Amino acid sequence: MPDPQTRPAYHPHNTGQWLMIAMLWLIGRLPPRLALAIGDAAGRLLPRLSRRRRGIALRNIQLCMPELGPDAREALMRENLRYMGRAGAETALAWFGGEAVDRMPCQVHGLENLAAAQRDGHPVILLSGHFLCVELAARLIGPQLDMAVIYKPLRKKPLMDRAMLRSRRRTLVDALSRSDLRGIVRTLKHGTPVWYAGDQDYGVANSVFVPFMGVPAATITGLTRLARLSKARVVPLFFHANARGDGYEVTLEPPLEGFPTGSDTLDAQWMNAVIERGIRAHPAQYLWVHRRFKHPPPGERPAYRNSLQKHYNRVEGAPW
């Protein structure tokens, strides 16, 4: 089978990507309110259509929010998958929407915190997490905030990757591969804030095990390395859909004074605590379907089992 990176664009193996891009284009050309309504409706069907997503989301919520009972976990999972469906429509609007998208309400709070962090010429890293409205929020805040983003290339889906990059580079200063350390540091030193999210499981290499919402998790130490190399300050950045569902809110918090601490472990704990605060503020709008705990600490049981998707609904109380 040809390498996806070298495969011709119109190779039959790319048919699925072309269909997905066509569907996103069609949704993106709709009025934003209608597109979001379609996404919301699709999200309400996800618990029935995708047992895998349902199972992973429920398991993560069970691990991270043990104070919730079964009914509350189920309700949060369903609301989360509704936002997942909405995120598909938000991606379509971000990538292919017209001028009506740029008129959607987007309130940005705390720009003074960014200005204070930059006042003496320091570079700035914008610490965030994988909140579901990320694509549309990035487009909407582009006119108010010059920034670049770090992203993981979609190497197995190069056509989707190109579409994503075109969208992000239209409204942001740049989109940088997470493997392009030199480019990231250079961008920071040129004075452009860079969006960084370290809340996914990238394996145990260059990671430490520290709590993520109370659960030991392999946590990448890249934020410490970037801050040290670029002498950047770290400013937390959060975003979410507003309560009415017709717009978005973005918040920049004061910089983390004293970061990095000199300890990778302490820095990773601090980073996770910041992201946790953003998650708990709007728990239904976080990417719960990511297998955040797929690499357990040595000697501990895996958080997920192959039978999870098949049996979780009726054995929610099973020991893990």
Protein backbone atom coordinates (compact mmCIF):
# COMPACT_ATOMS: atom_id res chain seq x y z
CA MET A 1 0.00 0.00 0.00
CA PRO A 2 1.44 3.43 -0.94
CA ASP A 3 2.66 5.75 1.80
CA PRO A 4 -0.18 8.23 2.57
CA GLN A 5 2.36 11.08 2.37
CA THR A 6 3.45 10.23 -1.19
CA ARG A 7 0.15 8.90 -2.51
CA PRO A 8 -1.36 11.03 -5.34
CA ALA A 9 -4.22 13.23 -4.17
CA TYR A 10 -6.77 11.37 -6.33
CA HIS A 11 -5.63 7.90 -5.33
CA PRO A 12 -8.65 5.65 -4.48
CA HIS A 13 -7.39 5.27 -0.92
CA ASN A 14 -8.07 9.00 -0.43
CA THR A 15 -11.77 8.66 -1.25
CA GLY A 16 -12.80 8.75 2.40
CA GLN A 17 -10.85 11.96 2.96
CA TRP A 18 -12.39 13.61 -0.08
CA LEU A 19 -15.88 12.66 1.09
CA MET A 20 -15.17 14.02 4.56
CA ILE A 21 -13.81 17.29 3.16
CA ALA A 22 -16.83 17.60 0.85
CA MET A 23 -19.21 17.07 3.77
CA LEU A 24 -17.37 19.65 5.89
CA TRP A 25 -17.44 22.11 2.97
CA LEU A 26 -21.20 21.69 2.57
CA ILE A 27 -21.85 22.19 6.29
CA GLY A 28 -19.42 25.10 6.41
CA ARG A 29 -21.31 26.96 3.70
CA LEU A 30 -24.54 26.85 5.69
CA PRO A 31 -25.62 29.71 7.98
CA PRO A 32 -23.73 29.17 11.24
CA ARG A 33 -26.87 28.69 13.34
CA LEU A 34 -28.13 25.94 11.01
CA ALA A 35 -24.72 24.26 10.84
CA LEU A 36 -24.47 24.17 14.64
CA ALA A 37 -28.00 22.77 14.90
CA ILE A 38 -27.01 19.93 12.57
CA GLY A 39 -23.89 19.27 14.62
CA ASP A 40 -25.92 19.28 17.81
CA ALA A 41 -28.40 16.78 16.36
CA ALA A 42 -25.57 14.51 15.20
CA GLY A 43 -24.03 14.66 18.65
CA ARG A 44 -27.26 13.50 20.26
CA LEU A 45 -27.04 10.35 18.13
CA LEU A 46 -23.39 9.60 18.95
CA PRO A 47 -24.08 7.58 22.14
CA ARG A 48 -26.02 5.10 19.98
CA LEU A 49 -23.81 5.24 16.89
CA SER A 50 -20.38 4.98 18.52
CA ARG A 51 -20.09 2.63 21.47
CA ARG A 52 -16.32 3.10 21.38
CA ARG A 53 -16.52 6.86 21.94
CA ARG A 54 -19.24 6.39 24.51
CA GLY A 55 -17.17 3.82 26.40
CA ILE A 56 -13.96 5.86 26.43
CA ALA A 57 -15.78 9.02 27.53
CA LEU A 58 -17.58 7.20 30.33
CA ARG A 59 -14.40 5.53 31.52
CA ASN A 60 -12.49 8.82 31.58
CA ILE A 61 -15.29 10.58 33.44
CA GLN A 62 -15.43 7.71 35.93
CA LEU A 63 -11.68 7.98 36.56
CA CYS A 64 -11.46 11.77 36.68
CA MET A 65 -14.70 12.56 38.48
CA PRO A 66 -15.26 9.71 40.96
CA GLU A 67 -17.54 11.95 42.99
CA LEU A 68 -20.21 11.60 40.27
CA GLY A 69 -22.71 8.77 40.47
CA PRO A 70 -23.63 6.55 37.47
CA ASP A 71 -26.56 8.75 36.40
CA ALA A 72 -24.50 11.94 36.56
CA ARG A 73 -21.68 10.30 34.58
CA GLU A 74 -24.14 9.15 31.95
CA ALA A 75 -25.64 12.63 31.68
CA LEU A 76 -22.23 14.27 31.37
CA MET A 77 -21.16 11.75 28.72
CA ARG A 78 -24.27 12.45 26.65
CA GLU A 79 -23.79 16.21 26.89
CA ASN A 80 -20.13 15.76 25.99
CA LEU A 81 -20.94 13.76 22.86
CA ARG A 82 -23.48 16.41 21.89
CA TYR A 83 -20.63 18.92 22.00
CA MET A 84 -18.56 16.45 19.99
CA GLY A 85 -21.15 16.58 17.22
CA ARG A 86 -21.21 20.36 17.49
CA ALA A 87 -17.40 20.35 17.20
CA GLY A 88 -17.70 18.71 13.80
CA ALA A 89 -19.89 21.58 12.62
CA GLU A 90 -17.55 24.11 14.25
CA THR A 91 -14.65 22.59 12.33
CA ALA A 92 -16.61 22.89 9.09
CA LEU A 93 -17.39 26.54 9.81
CA ALA A 94 -13.77 27.26 10.78
CA TRP A 95 -12.32 25.68 7.65
CA PHE A 96 -14.88 26.62 5.01
CA GLY A 97 -17.30 29.19 6.45
CA GLY A 98 -17.73 32.63 4.91
CA GLU A 99 -17.98 36.11 6.39
CA ALA A 100 -20.96 35.19 8.56
CA VAL A 101 -18.65 33.02 10.66
CA ASP A 102 -16.40 35.98 11.43
CA ARG A 103 -19.41 37.87 12.78
CA MET A 104 -20.17 35.21 15.40
CA PRO A 105 -19.88 36.61 18.96
CA CYS A 106 -16.51 35.96 20.59
CA GLN A 107 -15.61 37.69 23.84
CA VAL A 108 -11.93 37.74 24.77
CA HIS A 109 -11.11 38.36 28.44
CA GLY A 110 -7.68 39.03 29.93
CA LEU A 111 -5.75 40.51 27.02
CA GLU A 112 -4.10 42.71 29.65
CA ASN A 113 -2.54 39.55 31.13
CA LEU A 114 -0.90 38.77 27.81
CA ALA A 115 0.29 42.36 27.45
CA ALA A 116 1.79 42.26 30.94
CA ALA A 117 3.63 39.03 30.16
CA GLN A 118 5.06 40.54 26.95
CA ARG A 119 5.84 43.98 28.37
CA ASP A 120 9.56 43.39 28.94
CA GLY A 121 10.07 41.55 25.66
CA HIS A 122 9.55 38.01 26.96
CA PRO A 123 8.18 35.39 24.55
CA VAL A 124 4.86 33.85 25.60
CA ILE A 125 3.55 30.28 25.48
CA LEU A 126 -0.25 30.05 25.65
CA LEU A 127 -0.99 26.97 27.75
CA SER A 128 -4.31 25.34 26.93
CA GLY A 129 -6.00 21.97 26.48
CA HIS A 130 -8.04 20.10 23.92
CA PHE A 131 -11.39 21.79 24.37
CA LEU A 132 -13.88 20.84 21.70
CA CYS A 133 -14.44 24.24 20.06
CA VAL A 134 -10.70 24.68 19.40
CA GLU A 135 -10.94 25.02 15.59
CA LEU A 136 -13.62 27.69 15.54
CA ALA A 137 -12.24 29.53 18.57
CA ALA A 138 -8.85 29.74 16.84
CA ARG A 139 -10.46 31.40 13.81
CA LEU A 140 -12.57 33.81 15.85
CA ILE A 141 -9.76 35.06 18.08
CA GLY A 142 -7.33 35.41 15.18
CA PRO A 143 -8.20 39.08 14.48
CA GLN A 144 -7.80 39.96 18.18
CA LEU A 145 -4.73 37.91 19.05
CA ASP A 146 -1.67 37.25 16.89
CA MET A 147 -0.57 33.73 17.68
CA ALA A 148 0.77 30.50 16.23
CA VAL A 149 -0.33 26.99 17.18
CA ILE A 150 1.51 23.73 17.73
CA TYR A 151 -0.25 20.74 16.23
CA LYS A 152 0.22 17.04 15.57
CA PRO A 153 0.24 16.44 11.79
CA LEU A 154 -2.38 14.03 10.42
CA ARG A 155 0.20 11.89 8.64
CA LYS A 156 -2.24 9.15 7.73
CA LYS A 157 -4.73 11.71 6.37
CA PRO A 158 -2.65 14.21 4.37
CA LEU A 159 -5.62 15.77 2.56
CA MET A 160 -7.34 16.53 5.86
CA ASP A 161 -4.03 17.82 7.17
CA ARG A 162 -3.72 20.24 4.25
CA ALA A 163 -7.26 21.51 4.71
CA MET A 164 -6.61 22.08 8.41
CA LEU A 165 -3.36 23.92 7.76
CA ARG A 166 -4.91 26.17 5.11
CA SER A 167 -7.63 27.17 7.53
CA ARG A 168 -5.33 27.82 10.46
CA ARG A 169 -2.81 29.78 8.42
CA ARG A 170 -5.54 32.07 7.05
CA THR A 171 -6.37 33.45 10.49
CA LEU A 172 -3.30 32.66 12.62
CA VAL A 173 0.34 33.61 12.21
CA ASP A 174 1.36 29.98 11.65
CA ALA A 175 0.67 26.33 12.46
CA LEU A 176 3.80 24.46 13.53
CA SER A 177 4.37 20.73 13.74
CA ARG A 178 5.14 19.59 17.28
CA SER A 179 8.34 18.01 15.92
CA ASP A 180 9.58 21.38 14.57
CA LEU A 181 11.29 22.49 17.77
CA ARG A 182 13.54 25.02 16.03
CA GLY A 183 10.62 26.61 14.23
CA ILE A 184 8.61 26.83 17.45
CA VAL A 185 11.47 28.45 19.39
CA ARG A 186 12.18 30.82 16.50
CA THR A 187 8.53 31.88 16.37
CA LEU A 188 8.51 32.50 20.12
CA LYS A 189 11.68 34.57 19.99
CA HIS A 190 10.22 36.66 17.17
CA GLY A 191 7.52 37.74 19.61
CA THR A 192 4.56 35.62 18.46
CA PRO A 193 2.70 33.82 21.25
CA VAL A 194 2.41 30.08 20.61
CA TRP A 195 -0.56 27.90 21.64
CA TYR A 196 0.53 24.72 23.41
CA ALA A 197 -1.49 21.80 24.80
CA GLY A 198 0.20 19.04 26.79
CA ASP A 199 -2.90 17.16 27.92
CA GLN A 200 -2.69 14.11 25.63
CA ASP A 201 -0.93 10.78 26.08
CA TYR A 202 2.06 10.72 23.72
CA GLY A 203 3.67 7.68 25.35
CA VAL A 204 6.26 7.36 28.08
CA ALA A 205 9.25 8.81 26.19
CA ASN A 206 9.96 12.39 27.36
CA SER A 207 7.11 12.06 29.86
CA VAL A 208 6.72 11.81 33.62
CA PHE A 209 3.88 10.20 35.56
CA VAL A 210 1.98 12.82 37.53
CA PRO A 211 -1.70 13.22 38.44
CA PHE A 212 -4.12 14.40 35.78
CA MET A 213 -7.40 15.07 37.57
CA GLY A 214 -6.23 12.73 40.31
CA VAL A 215 -5.15 9.88 38.01
CA PRO A 216 -1.45 9.08 37.36
CA ALA A 217 -0.88 9.94 33.69
CA ALA A 218 2.04 9.99 31.29
CA THR A 219 2.57 13.74 30.91
CA ILE A 220 4.85 15.21 28.25
CA THR A 221 7.56 17.57 29.52
CA GLY A 222 7.67 19.66 26.34
CA LEU A 223 6.31 22.78 28.02
CA THR A 224 9.27 22.89 30.38
CA ARG A 225 11.71 22.40 27.53
CA LEU A 226 10.12 25.12 25.38
CA ALA A 227 9.96 27.61 28.23
CA ARG A 228 13.58 26.96 29.13
CA LEU A 229 14.90 27.19 25.54
CA SER A 230 12.96 30.33 24.65
CA LYS A 231 12.90 31.96 28.10
CA ALA A 232 9.14 32.29 27.58
CA ARG A 233 6.46 33.07 30.12
CA VAL A 234 3.47 30.75 30.28
CA VAL A 235 -0.03 32.28 30.08
CA PRO A 236 -3.06 29.98 30.52
CA LEU A 237 -5.64 30.25 27.73
CA PHE A 238 -9.15 28.76 27.90
CA PHE A 239 -12.11 28.89 25.55
CA HIS A 240 -15.65 27.53 25.49
CA ALA A 241 -19.05 27.95 23.85
CA ASN A 242 -21.20 30.38 25.81
CA ALA A 243 -24.33 29.35 27.72
CA ARG A 244 -26.64 30.46 24.88
CA GLY A 245 -24.71 28.41 22.35
CA ASP A 246 -24.51 31.28 19.85
CA GLY A 247 -20.95 32.42 20.54
CA TYR A 248 -17.70 31.81 22.38
CA GLU A 249 -15.66 33.10 25.27
CA VAL A 250 -11.86 33.15 25.51
CA THR A 251 -9.98 33.86 28.72
CA LEU A 252 -6.28 34.60 29.21
CA GLU A 253 -5.09 34.29 32.82
CA PRO A 254 -2.06 35.90 34.49
CA PRO A 255 1.28 34.26 33.67
CA LEU A 256 2.61 31.40 35.81
CA GLU A 257 5.21 33.17 37.92
CA GLY A 258 8.24 30.97 38.60
CA PHE A 259 7.67 28.54 35.73
CA PRO A 260 9.72 26.49 34.97
CA THR A 261 10.62 25.46 38.49
CA GLY A 262 13.73 23.44 37.67
CA SER A 263 11.90 20.13 38.15
CA ASP A 264 10.21 18.38 35.23
CA THR A 265 7.88 16.61 37.65
CA LEU A 266 6.77 19.77 39.46
CA ASP A 267 6.30 21.57 36.14
CA ALA A 268 4.17 18.73 34.76
CA GLN A 269 2.04 18.75 37.93
CA TRP A 270 1.58 22.50 37.62
CA MET A 271 0.62 22.26 33.94
CA ASN A 272 -1.93 19.52 34.62
CA ALA A 273 -3.42 21.52 37.50
CA VAL A 274 -3.91 24.53 35.21
CA ILE A 275 -5.59 22.43 32.51
CA GLU A 276 -7.73 20.70 35.14
CA ARG A 277 -9.07 24.08 36.23
CA GLY A 278 -10.20 24.77 32.67
CA ILE A 279 -11.83 21.35 32.36
CA ARG A 280 -13.77 21.63 35.62
CA ALA A 281 -15.14 25.02 34.59
CA HIS A 282 -16.87 23.44 31.55
CA PRO A 283 -16.52 19.65 31.82
CA ALA A 284 -18.93 18.83 28.99
CA GLN A 285 -16.76 20.74 26.48
CA TYR A 286 -13.55 18.75 26.95
CA LEU A 287 -12.19 15.98 24.69
CA TRP A 288 -13.14 13.05 26.92
CA VAL A 289 -12.96 10.56 24.04
CA HIS A 290 -9.13 10.71 24.00
CA ARG A 291 -7.55 7.74 25.80
CA ARG A 292 -5.65 9.96 28.19
CA PHE A 293 -4.50 7.04 30.38
CA LYS A 294 -3.56 4.47 27.73
CA HIS A 295 0.00 4.20 29.11
CA PRO A 296 -0.32 3.30 32.80
CA PRO A 297 2.54 3.63 35.30
CA PRO A 298 4.77 0.53 35.53
CA GLY A 299 3.04 -2.29 37.35
CA GLU A 300 -0.47 -0.81 37.13
CA ARG A 301 -3.42 -2.21 35.19
CA PRO A 302 -4.40 -0.59 31.89
CA ALA A 303 -7.19 1.94 32.26
CA TYR A 304 -8.95 0.61 29.15
CA ARG A 305 -9.65 -2.96 28.05
CA ASN A 306 -10.40 -4.30 24.60
CA SER A 307 -13.82 -5.36 25.85
CA LEU A 308 -14.57 -1.85 27.14
CA GLN A 309 -16.72 -0.77 24.23
CA LYS A 310 -18.74 -3.99 24.24
CA HIS A 311 -19.48 -4.38 27.91
CA TYR A 312 -19.12 -1.02 29.66
CA ASN A 313 -22.77 -0.03 29.36
CA ARG A 314 -24.00 -2.97 31.41
CA VAL A 315 -20.97 -3.47 33.68
CA GLU A 316 -20.21 0.10 34.67
CA GLY A 317 -19.30 -0.92 38.19
CA ALA A 318 -16.78 -3.57 37.10
CA PRO A 319 -13.34 -3.41 38.74
CA TRP A 320 -10.59 -2.05 36.53
